[in-house]
């Protein structure tokens, strides 16, 4: 199971989502202040305590990571595994959208106080993109595997 290419791709996608919990994904800069956004913690002044609630992102990222992990074990039914990966793709796309939408909304709410800008030059922002790429590679490998199995069954 783990020696198959698609299982390795899915495992790397899972690891990328888990690593994302450890790194900031955005930085917000306003006036002379700055703050980093994490999924599990926020390192800045208490200004964002009312604006930023990471629960939605935690739920979506946890579902994405769980989807990657479950998909590894669906190797016996490749068609179902590809369909399940579509659901994981949707969760990952929603996570990427939230990672860009939430900091922009926070910066918009700060701009009433002071000019605020958002920077995404953090390693946490690249992790969901890496997991999305791994999901595409996994689906390609699953599709190739399914084509080979069907071709082998026709010969007999």
N, C-alpha and C. Protein backbone atom coordinates (compact mmCIF):
# COMPACT_ATOMS: atom_id res chain seq x y z
N UNK A 1 0.82 -1.19 0.00
CA UNK A 1 0.00 0.00 0.00
C UNK A 1 0.86 1.26 0.00
N UNK A 2 1.80 1.39 0.92
CA UNK A 2 2.57 2.63 1.01
C UNK A 2 3.63 2.71 -0.08
N UNK A 3 3.97 1.60 -0.71
CA UNK A 3 4.99 1.63 -1.74
C UNK A 3 4.45 2.16 -3.06
N UNK A 4 3.15 2.30 -3.19
CA UNK A 4 2.56 2.83 -4.42
C UNK A 4 2.78 4.33 -4.48
N UNK A 5 2.97 4.85 -5.69
CA UNK A 5 3.28 6.28 -5.87
C UNK A 5 2.16 7.16 -5.34
N UNK A 6 0.91 6.77 -5.61
CA UNK A 6 -0.20 7.61 -5.17
C UNK A 6 -0.30 7.67 -3.65
N UNK A 7 0.05 6.59 -2.98
CA UNK A 7 0.03 6.60 -1.52
C UNK A 7 1.10 7.54 -0.97
N UNK A 8 2.25 7.55 -1.60
CA UNK A 8 3.31 8.48 -1.18
C UNK A 8 2.90 9.93 -1.42
N UNK A 9 2.27 10.21 -2.57
CA UNK A 9 1.79 11.57 -2.84
C UNK A 9 0.75 12.00 -1.80
N UNK A 10 -0.17 11.11 -1.49
CA UNK A 10 -1.20 11.45 -0.50
C UNK A 10 -0.60 11.64 0.89
N UNK A 11 0.39 10.85 1.22
CA UNK A 11 1.05 11.00 2.52
C UNK A 11 1.81 12.32 2.60
N UNK A 12 2.47 12.70 1.52
CA UNK A 12 3.17 14.00 1.49
C UNK A 12 2.16 15.13 1.62
N UNK A 13 0.99 15.00 0.99
CA UNK A 13 -0.06 16.02 1.14
C UNK A 13 -0.55 16.11 2.57
N UNK A 14 -0.71 14.97 3.24
CA UNK A 14 -1.10 14.96 4.65
C UNK A 14 -0.05 15.64 5.51
N UNK A 15 1.22 15.32 5.27
CA UNK A 15 2.31 15.92 6.05
C UNK A 15 2.35 17.43 5.81
N UNK A 16 2.11 17.88 4.58
CA UNK A 16 2.11 19.31 4.29
C UNK A 16 1.03 20.03 5.08
N UNK A 17 -0.15 19.44 5.20
CA UNK A 17 -1.23 20.07 5.97
C UNK A 17 -0.86 20.09 7.45
N UNK A 18 -0.28 19.02 7.95
CA UNK A 18 0.11 18.98 9.36
C UNK A 18 1.21 19.99 9.65
N UNK A 19 2.18 20.12 8.74
CA UNK A 19 3.26 21.09 8.92
C UNK A 19 2.72 22.51 8.89
N UNK A 20 1.64 22.72 8.15
CA UNK A 20 1.04 24.05 8.06
C UNK A 20 0.60 24.56 9.43
N UNK A 21 0.24 23.64 10.34
CA UNK A 21 -0.16 24.05 11.68
C UNK A 21 0.98 24.71 12.45
N UNK A 22 2.21 24.41 12.08
CA UNK A 22 3.36 24.88 12.84
C UNK A 22 3.89 26.24 12.39
N UNK A 23 3.53 26.67 11.20
CA UNK A 23 4.10 27.89 10.63
C UNK A 23 3.02 28.94 10.40
N UNK A 24 3.40 30.23 10.46
CA UNK A 24 2.42 31.27 10.12
C UNK A 24 2.12 31.25 8.62
N UNK A 25 0.92 31.68 8.25
CA UNK A 25 0.57 31.69 6.84
C UNK A 25 0.40 33.09 6.29
N UNK A 26 0.31 34.11 7.16
CA UNK A 26 0.18 35.48 6.70
C UNK A 26 0.71 36.42 7.76
N UNK A 27 1.14 37.57 7.31
CA UNK A 27 1.56 38.62 8.22
C UNK A 27 0.80 39.88 7.90
N UNK A 28 0.31 40.56 8.91
CA UNK A 28 -0.42 41.81 8.72
C UNK A 28 0.42 42.93 9.33
N UNK A 29 0.66 43.96 8.54
CA UNK A 29 1.50 45.08 8.96
C UNK A 29 0.68 46.35 8.92
N UNK A 30 0.67 47.09 10.02
CA UNK A 30 -0.06 48.35 10.08
C UNK A 30 0.71 49.31 10.98
N UNK A 31 0.84 50.54 10.52
CA UNK A 31 1.58 51.53 11.30
C UNK A 31 2.96 51.02 11.63
N UNK A 32 3.30 50.98 12.89
CA UNK A 32 4.57 50.43 13.33
C UNK A 32 4.41 49.04 13.90
N UNK A 33 3.23 48.46 13.79
CA UNK A 33 2.95 47.14 14.37
C UNK A 33 2.92 46.06 13.29
N UNK A 34 3.02 44.84 13.74
CA UNK A 34 2.89 43.71 12.82
C UNK A 34 2.38 42.51 13.61
N UNK A 35 1.78 41.59 12.90
CA UNK A 35 1.28 40.37 13.54
C UNK A 35 1.30 39.22 12.57
N UNK A 36 1.53 38.04 13.07
CA UNK A 36 1.55 36.83 12.25
C UNK A 36 0.31 36.01 12.53
N UNK A 37 -0.29 35.49 11.48
CA UNK A 37 -1.47 34.64 11.63
C UNK A 37 -1.05 33.18 11.56
N UNK A 38 -1.37 32.42 12.60
CA UNK A 38 -1.22 30.97 12.64
C UNK A 38 -2.62 30.37 12.62
N UNK A 39 -2.70 29.10 12.32
CA UNK A 39 -3.99 28.43 12.44
C UNK A 39 -4.37 28.22 13.89
N UNK A 40 -3.41 27.97 14.74
CA UNK A 40 -3.72 27.61 16.12
C UNK A 40 -3.43 28.71 17.12
N UNK A 41 -2.66 29.71 16.72
CA UNK A 41 -2.36 30.79 17.65
C UNK A 41 -2.15 32.07 16.87
N UNK A 42 -2.21 33.16 17.54
CA UNK A 42 -1.98 34.45 16.91
C UNK A 42 -0.95 35.20 17.72
N UNK A 43 0.14 35.56 17.07
CA UNK A 43 1.22 36.25 17.76
C UNK A 43 1.20 37.73 17.40
N UNK A 44 0.51 38.51 18.18
CA UNK A 44 0.50 39.96 18.00
C UNK A 44 -0.21 40.56 19.19
N UNK A 45 -0.48 41.84 19.07
CA UNK A 45 -1.22 42.48 20.16
C UNK A 45 -2.65 41.97 20.16
N UNK A 46 -3.39 42.31 21.18
CA UNK A 46 -4.76 41.80 21.31
C UNK A 46 -5.76 42.44 20.39
N UNK A 47 -5.30 43.21 19.40
CA UNK A 47 -6.21 43.90 18.49
C UNK A 47 -7.07 42.94 17.69
N UNK A 48 -6.52 41.77 17.34
CA UNK A 48 -7.24 40.84 16.48
C UNK A 48 -8.07 39.82 17.25
N UNK A 49 -8.09 39.91 18.54
CA UNK A 49 -8.77 38.88 19.31
C UNK A 49 -10.25 38.78 18.96
N UNK A 50 -10.88 39.89 18.61
CA UNK A 50 -12.29 39.86 18.21
C UNK A 50 -12.47 39.60 16.73
N UNK A 51 -11.44 39.88 15.92
CA UNK A 51 -11.58 39.79 14.48
C UNK A 51 -11.24 38.43 13.91
N UNK A 52 -10.33 37.74 14.55
CA UNK A 52 -9.81 36.50 13.97
C UNK A 52 -10.14 35.32 14.86
N UNK A 53 -10.97 34.45 14.35
CA UNK A 53 -11.30 33.22 15.05
C UNK A 53 -10.85 32.06 14.17
N UNK A 54 -9.83 31.35 14.58
CA UNK A 54 -9.28 30.31 13.70
C UNK A 54 -10.08 29.01 13.65
N UNK A 55 -11.23 28.94 14.32
CA UNK A 55 -11.96 27.67 14.38
C UNK A 55 -12.39 27.15 13.00
N UNK A 56 -12.88 28.02 12.14
CA UNK A 56 -13.32 27.58 10.82
C UNK A 56 -12.14 27.02 10.03
N UNK A 57 -11.01 27.72 10.09
CA UNK A 57 -9.83 27.23 9.38
C UNK A 57 -9.30 25.95 10.00
N UNK A 58 -9.39 25.83 11.31
CA UNK A 58 -8.95 24.59 11.97
C UNK A 58 -9.81 23.41 11.55
N UNK A 59 -11.11 23.63 11.47
CA UNK A 59 -12.02 22.56 11.07
C UNK A 59 -11.76 22.14 9.63
N UNK A 60 -11.66 23.12 8.73
CA UNK A 60 -11.44 22.81 7.31
C UNK A 60 -10.08 22.15 7.10
N UNK A 61 -9.05 22.66 7.76
CA UNK A 61 -7.73 22.06 7.59
C UNK A 61 -7.66 20.66 8.20
N UNK A 62 -8.35 20.46 9.31
CA UNK A 62 -8.39 19.12 9.91
C UNK A 62 -9.12 18.13 9.01
N UNK A 63 -10.23 18.57 8.42
CA UNK A 63 -10.95 17.70 7.48
C UNK A 63 -10.10 17.40 6.25
N UNK A 64 -9.33 18.39 5.79
CA UNK A 64 -8.44 18.17 4.65
C UNK A 64 -7.37 17.15 4.99
N UNK A 65 -6.73 17.31 6.14
CA UNK A 65 -5.68 16.37 6.55
C UNK A 65 -6.26 14.97 6.74
N UNK A 66 -7.42 14.89 7.37
CA UNK A 66 -8.08 13.60 7.56
C UNK A 66 -8.44 12.96 6.22
N UNK A 67 -8.88 13.78 5.28
CA UNK A 67 -9.20 13.27 3.95
C UNK A 67 -7.99 12.68 3.24
N UNK A 68 -6.84 13.35 3.36
CA UNK A 68 -5.61 12.81 2.78
C UNK A 68 -5.27 11.47 3.40
N UNK A 69 -5.39 11.40 4.71
CA UNK A 69 -5.03 10.17 5.42
C UNK A 69 -5.98 9.02 5.08
N UNK A 70 -7.28 9.31 5.01
CA UNK A 70 -8.26 8.28 4.68
C UNK A 70 -8.08 7.81 3.24
N UNK A 71 -7.75 8.73 2.35
CA UNK A 71 -7.60 8.37 0.95
C UNK A 71 -6.46 7.39 0.72
N UNK A 72 -5.45 7.43 1.55
CA UNK A 72 -4.35 6.46 1.43
C UNK A 72 -4.88 5.04 1.59
N UNK A 73 -5.85 4.85 2.47
CA UNK A 73 -6.36 3.51 2.78
C UNK A 73 -7.50 3.06 1.87
N UNK A 74 -7.85 3.85 0.87
CA UNK A 74 -8.88 3.47 -0.08
C UNK A 74 -8.29 2.87 -1.35
N UNK A 75 -7.11 2.32 -1.26
CA UNK A 75 -6.38 1.86 -2.44
C UNK A 75 -7.03 0.66 -3.13
N UNK A 76 -7.91 -0.07 -2.45
CA UNK A 76 -8.51 -1.26 -3.06
C UNK A 76 -9.61 -0.90 -4.06
N UNK A 77 -10.23 0.25 -3.88
CA UNK A 77 -11.26 0.70 -4.80
C UNK A 77 -10.80 2.03 -5.40
N UNK A 78 -10.08 1.95 -6.52
CA UNK A 78 -9.45 3.13 -7.10
C UNK A 78 -10.46 4.15 -7.61
N UNK A 79 -11.57 3.71 -8.14
CA UNK A 79 -12.57 4.66 -8.64
C UNK A 79 -13.16 5.46 -7.47
N UNK A 80 -13.49 4.79 -6.39
CA UNK A 80 -13.98 5.49 -5.20
C UNK A 80 -12.90 6.40 -4.62
N UNK A 81 -11.66 5.97 -4.68
CA UNK A 81 -10.56 6.79 -4.17
C UNK A 81 -10.43 8.08 -4.97
N UNK A 82 -10.57 8.00 -6.30
CA UNK A 82 -10.52 9.22 -7.11
C UNK A 82 -11.70 10.14 -6.81
N UNK A 83 -12.87 9.57 -6.59
CA UNK A 83 -14.04 10.39 -6.26
C UNK A 83 -13.90 11.01 -4.88
N UNK A 84 -13.34 10.27 -3.95
CA UNK A 84 -13.10 10.80 -2.61
C UNK A 84 -12.08 11.94 -2.65
N UNK A 85 -11.10 11.81 -3.54
CA UNK A 85 -10.09 12.86 -3.67
C UNK A 85 -10.68 14.16 -4.20
N UNK A 86 -11.79 14.08 -4.91
CA UNK A 86 -12.48 15.30 -5.33
C UNK A 86 -12.98 16.06 -4.10
N UNK A 87 -13.52 15.33 -3.13
CA UNK A 87 -13.97 15.96 -1.88
C UNK A 87 -12.79 16.58 -1.13
N UNK A 88 -11.67 15.87 -1.09
CA UNK A 88 -10.47 16.40 -0.44
C UNK A 88 -9.99 17.64 -1.19
N UNK A 89 -10.08 17.63 -2.51
CA UNK A 89 -9.71 18.79 -3.33
C UNK A 89 -10.57 20.00 -2.97
N UNK A 90 -11.86 19.78 -2.79
CA UNK A 90 -12.77 20.88 -2.43
C UNK A 90 -12.40 21.44 -1.05
N UNK A 91 -12.16 20.57 -0.08
CA UNK A 91 -11.74 21.03 1.25
C UNK A 91 -10.44 21.82 1.18
N UNK A 92 -9.50 21.34 0.37
CA UNK A 92 -8.22 22.02 0.24
C UNK A 92 -8.39 23.38 -0.45
N UNK A 93 -9.25 23.45 -1.46
CA UNK A 93 -9.51 24.72 -2.13
C UNK A 93 -10.19 25.71 -1.19
N UNK A 94 -11.12 25.23 -0.37
CA UNK A 94 -11.76 26.12 0.62
C UNK A 94 -10.73 26.60 1.63
N UNK A 95 -9.83 25.73 2.05
CA UNK A 95 -8.77 26.13 2.98
C UNK A 95 -7.89 27.21 2.38
N UNK A 96 -7.51 27.05 1.13
CA UNK A 96 -6.68 28.06 0.46
C UNK A 96 -7.45 29.38 0.36
N UNK A 97 -8.72 29.30 0.03
CA UNK A 97 -9.53 30.51 -0.02
C UNK A 97 -9.61 31.22 1.32
N UNK A 98 -9.82 30.45 2.37
CA UNK A 98 -9.88 31.04 3.71
C UNK A 98 -8.55 31.64 4.13
N UNK A 99 -7.45 31.02 3.72
CA UNK A 99 -6.14 31.53 4.11
C UNK A 99 -5.85 32.88 3.47
N UNK A 100 -6.49 33.18 2.35
CA UNK A 100 -6.31 34.49 1.73
C UNK A 100 -7.43 35.45 2.10
N UNK A 101 -8.62 34.93 2.37
CA UNK A 101 -9.76 35.79 2.65
C UNK A 101 -9.70 36.38 4.06
N UNK A 102 -9.37 35.55 5.05
CA UNK A 102 -9.36 36.02 6.44
C UNK A 102 -8.34 37.13 6.68
N UNK A 103 -7.07 37.00 6.24
CA UNK A 103 -6.15 38.13 6.45
C UNK A 103 -6.57 39.40 5.73
N UNK A 104 -7.15 39.25 4.53
CA UNK A 104 -7.62 40.44 3.83
C UNK A 104 -8.76 41.12 4.58
N UNK A 105 -9.67 40.34 5.15
CA UNK A 105 -10.75 40.93 5.94
C UNK A 105 -10.22 41.61 7.19
N UNK A 106 -9.22 41.02 7.83
CA UNK A 106 -8.63 41.64 9.01
C UNK A 106 -7.94 42.95 8.61
N UNK A 107 -7.22 42.95 7.49
CA UNK A 107 -6.55 44.17 7.04
C UNK A 107 -7.56 45.24 6.67
N UNK A 108 -8.70 44.84 6.09
CA UNK A 108 -9.75 45.83 5.78
C UNK A 108 -10.32 46.44 7.05
N UNK A 109 -10.49 45.64 8.08
CA UNK A 109 -11.05 46.18 9.32
C UNK A 109 -10.05 47.07 10.03
N UNK A 110 -8.76 46.82 9.87
CA UNK A 110 -7.74 47.67 10.48
C UNK A 110 -7.59 48.97 9.70
N UNK A 111 -7.85 48.94 8.41
CA UNK A 111 -7.60 50.12 7.60
C UNK A 111 -8.46 51.30 8.03
N UNK A 112 -9.54 51.03 8.79
CA UNK A 112 -10.28 52.15 9.37
C UNK A 112 -9.47 52.84 10.44
N UNK A 113 -8.61 52.08 11.13
CA UNK A 113 -7.75 52.64 12.18
C UNK A 113 -6.46 53.18 11.57
N UNK A 114 -5.86 52.40 10.75
CA UNK A 114 -4.56 52.71 10.18
C UNK A 114 -4.42 51.93 8.88
N UNK A 115 -3.50 52.32 8.03
CA UNK A 115 -3.27 51.58 6.80
C UNK A 115 -2.67 50.22 7.13
N UNK A 116 -3.24 49.17 6.57
CA UNK A 116 -2.75 47.81 6.85
C UNK A 116 -2.49 47.09 5.54
N UNK A 117 -1.43 46.29 5.52
CA UNK A 117 -1.12 45.48 4.35
C UNK A 117 -0.89 44.04 4.80
N UNK A 118 -1.12 43.14 3.88
CA UNK A 118 -1.00 41.71 4.17
C UNK A 118 0.15 41.14 3.34
N UNK A 119 0.96 40.33 3.97
CA UNK A 119 2.05 39.64 3.28
C UNK A 119 1.83 38.14 3.43
N UNK A 120 1.97 37.43 2.32
CA UNK A 120 1.82 35.97 2.33
C UNK A 120 3.15 35.27 2.11
N UNK A 121 4.24 35.95 2.40
CA UNK A 121 5.57 35.38 2.18
C UNK A 121 6.01 34.52 3.35
N UNK A 122 5.18 33.58 3.72
CA UNK A 122 5.46 32.68 4.83
C UNK A 122 5.28 31.25 4.36
N UNK A 123 6.02 30.35 4.97
CA UNK A 123 6.02 28.97 4.51
C UNK A 123 4.66 28.29 4.72
N UNK A 124 3.89 28.75 5.70
CA UNK A 124 2.58 28.16 5.94
C UNK A 124 1.62 28.36 4.78
N UNK A 125 1.79 29.45 4.02
CA UNK A 125 0.91 29.71 2.88
C UNK A 125 1.20 28.77 1.72
N UNK A 126 2.40 28.21 1.65
CA UNK A 126 2.76 27.32 0.55
C UNK A 126 2.32 25.88 0.81
N UNK A 127 2.07 25.53 2.05
CA UNK A 127 1.76 24.13 2.37
C UNK A 127 0.46 23.62 1.75
N UNK A 128 -0.65 24.38 1.80
CA UNK A 128 -1.86 23.87 1.12
C UNK A 128 -1.70 23.80 -0.40
N UNK A 129 -0.89 24.70 -0.96
CA UNK A 129 -0.63 24.62 -2.40
C UNK A 129 0.17 23.37 -2.74
N UNK A 130 1.13 23.03 -1.88
CA UNK A 130 1.88 21.79 -2.06
C UNK A 130 0.98 20.57 -1.93
N UNK A 131 0.08 20.59 -0.96
CA UNK A 131 -0.83 19.45 -0.79
C UNK A 131 -1.80 19.34 -1.97
N UNK A 132 -2.21 20.47 -2.52
CA UNK A 132 -3.07 20.45 -3.71
C UNK A 132 -2.33 19.84 -4.90
N UNK A 133 -1.08 20.20 -5.06
CA UNK A 133 -0.27 19.64 -6.13
C UNK A 133 -0.08 18.13 -5.94
N UNK A 134 0.16 17.71 -4.71
CA UNK A 134 0.31 16.28 -4.42
C UNK A 134 -0.99 15.52 -4.70
N UNK A 135 -2.12 16.16 -4.46
CA UNK A 135 -3.41 15.53 -4.73
C UNK A 135 -3.61 15.33 -6.23
N UNK A 136 -3.20 16.30 -7.03
CA UNK A 136 -3.28 16.15 -8.48
C UNK A 136 -2.37 15.03 -8.97
N UNK A 137 -1.14 14.98 -8.44
CA UNK A 137 -0.22 13.89 -8.81
C UNK A 137 -0.78 12.53 -8.39
N UNK A 138 -1.40 12.47 -7.22
CA UNK A 138 -1.96 11.21 -6.74
C UNK A 138 -3.10 10.75 -7.65
N UNK A 139 -3.96 11.67 -8.04
CA UNK A 139 -5.06 11.28 -8.93
C UNK A 139 -4.55 10.80 -10.28
N UNK A 140 -3.50 11.42 -10.79
CA UNK A 140 -2.92 10.94 -12.05
C UNK A 140 -2.37 9.52 -11.89
N UNK A 141 -1.69 9.28 -10.79
CA UNK A 141 -1.13 7.95 -10.55
C UNK A 141 -2.23 6.92 -10.36
N UNK A 142 -3.30 7.28 -9.67
CA UNK A 142 -4.43 6.36 -9.47
C UNK A 142 -5.08 6.05 -10.82
N UNK A 143 -5.24 7.06 -11.65
CA UNK A 143 -5.86 6.85 -12.96
C UNK A 143 -4.98 5.94 -13.83
N UNK A 144 -3.66 6.15 -13.82
CA UNK A 144 -2.76 5.27 -14.58
C UNK A 144 -2.84 3.83 -14.08
N UNK A 145 -2.91 3.68 -12.76
CA UNK A 145 -3.01 2.35 -12.16
C UNK A 145 -4.31 1.68 -12.58
N UNK A 146 -5.39 2.42 -12.58
CA UNK A 146 -6.69 1.86 -12.98
C UNK A 146 -6.70 1.46 -14.45
N UNK A 147 -6.07 2.27 -15.29
CA UNK A 147 -5.99 1.93 -16.71
C UNK A 147 -5.18 0.66 -16.92
N UNK A 148 -4.07 0.52 -16.19
CA UNK A 148 -3.25 -0.69 -16.31
C UNK A 148 -4.01 -1.93 -15.85
N UNK A 149 -4.75 -1.82 -14.77
CA UNK A 149 -5.51 -2.97 -14.26
C UNK A 149 -6.61 -3.36 -15.23
N UNK A 150 -7.30 -2.37 -15.78
CA UNK A 150 -8.37 -2.70 -16.74
C UNK A 150 -7.80 -3.30 -18.02
N UNK A 151 -6.65 -2.81 -18.46
CA UNK A 151 -6.04 -3.38 -19.66
C UNK A 151 -5.57 -4.81 -19.42
N UNK A 152 -5.06 -5.08 -18.23
CA UNK A 152 -4.62 -6.43 -17.91
C UNK A 152 -5.80 -7.39 -17.81
N UNK A 153 -6.93 -6.93 -17.36
CA UNK A 153 -8.11 -7.78 -17.25
C UNK A 153 -8.73 -8.10 -18.59
N UNK A 154 -8.57 -7.25 -19.59
CA UNK A 154 -9.14 -7.49 -20.91
C UNK A 154 -8.39 -8.57 -21.67
N UNK A 155 -7.11 -8.71 -21.39
CA UNK A 155 -6.30 -9.68 -22.12
C UNK A 155 -6.73 -11.10 -21.80
N UNK A 156 -7.10 -11.36 -20.59
CA UNK A 156 -7.45 -12.71 -20.16
C UNK A 156 -8.73 -13.12 -20.74
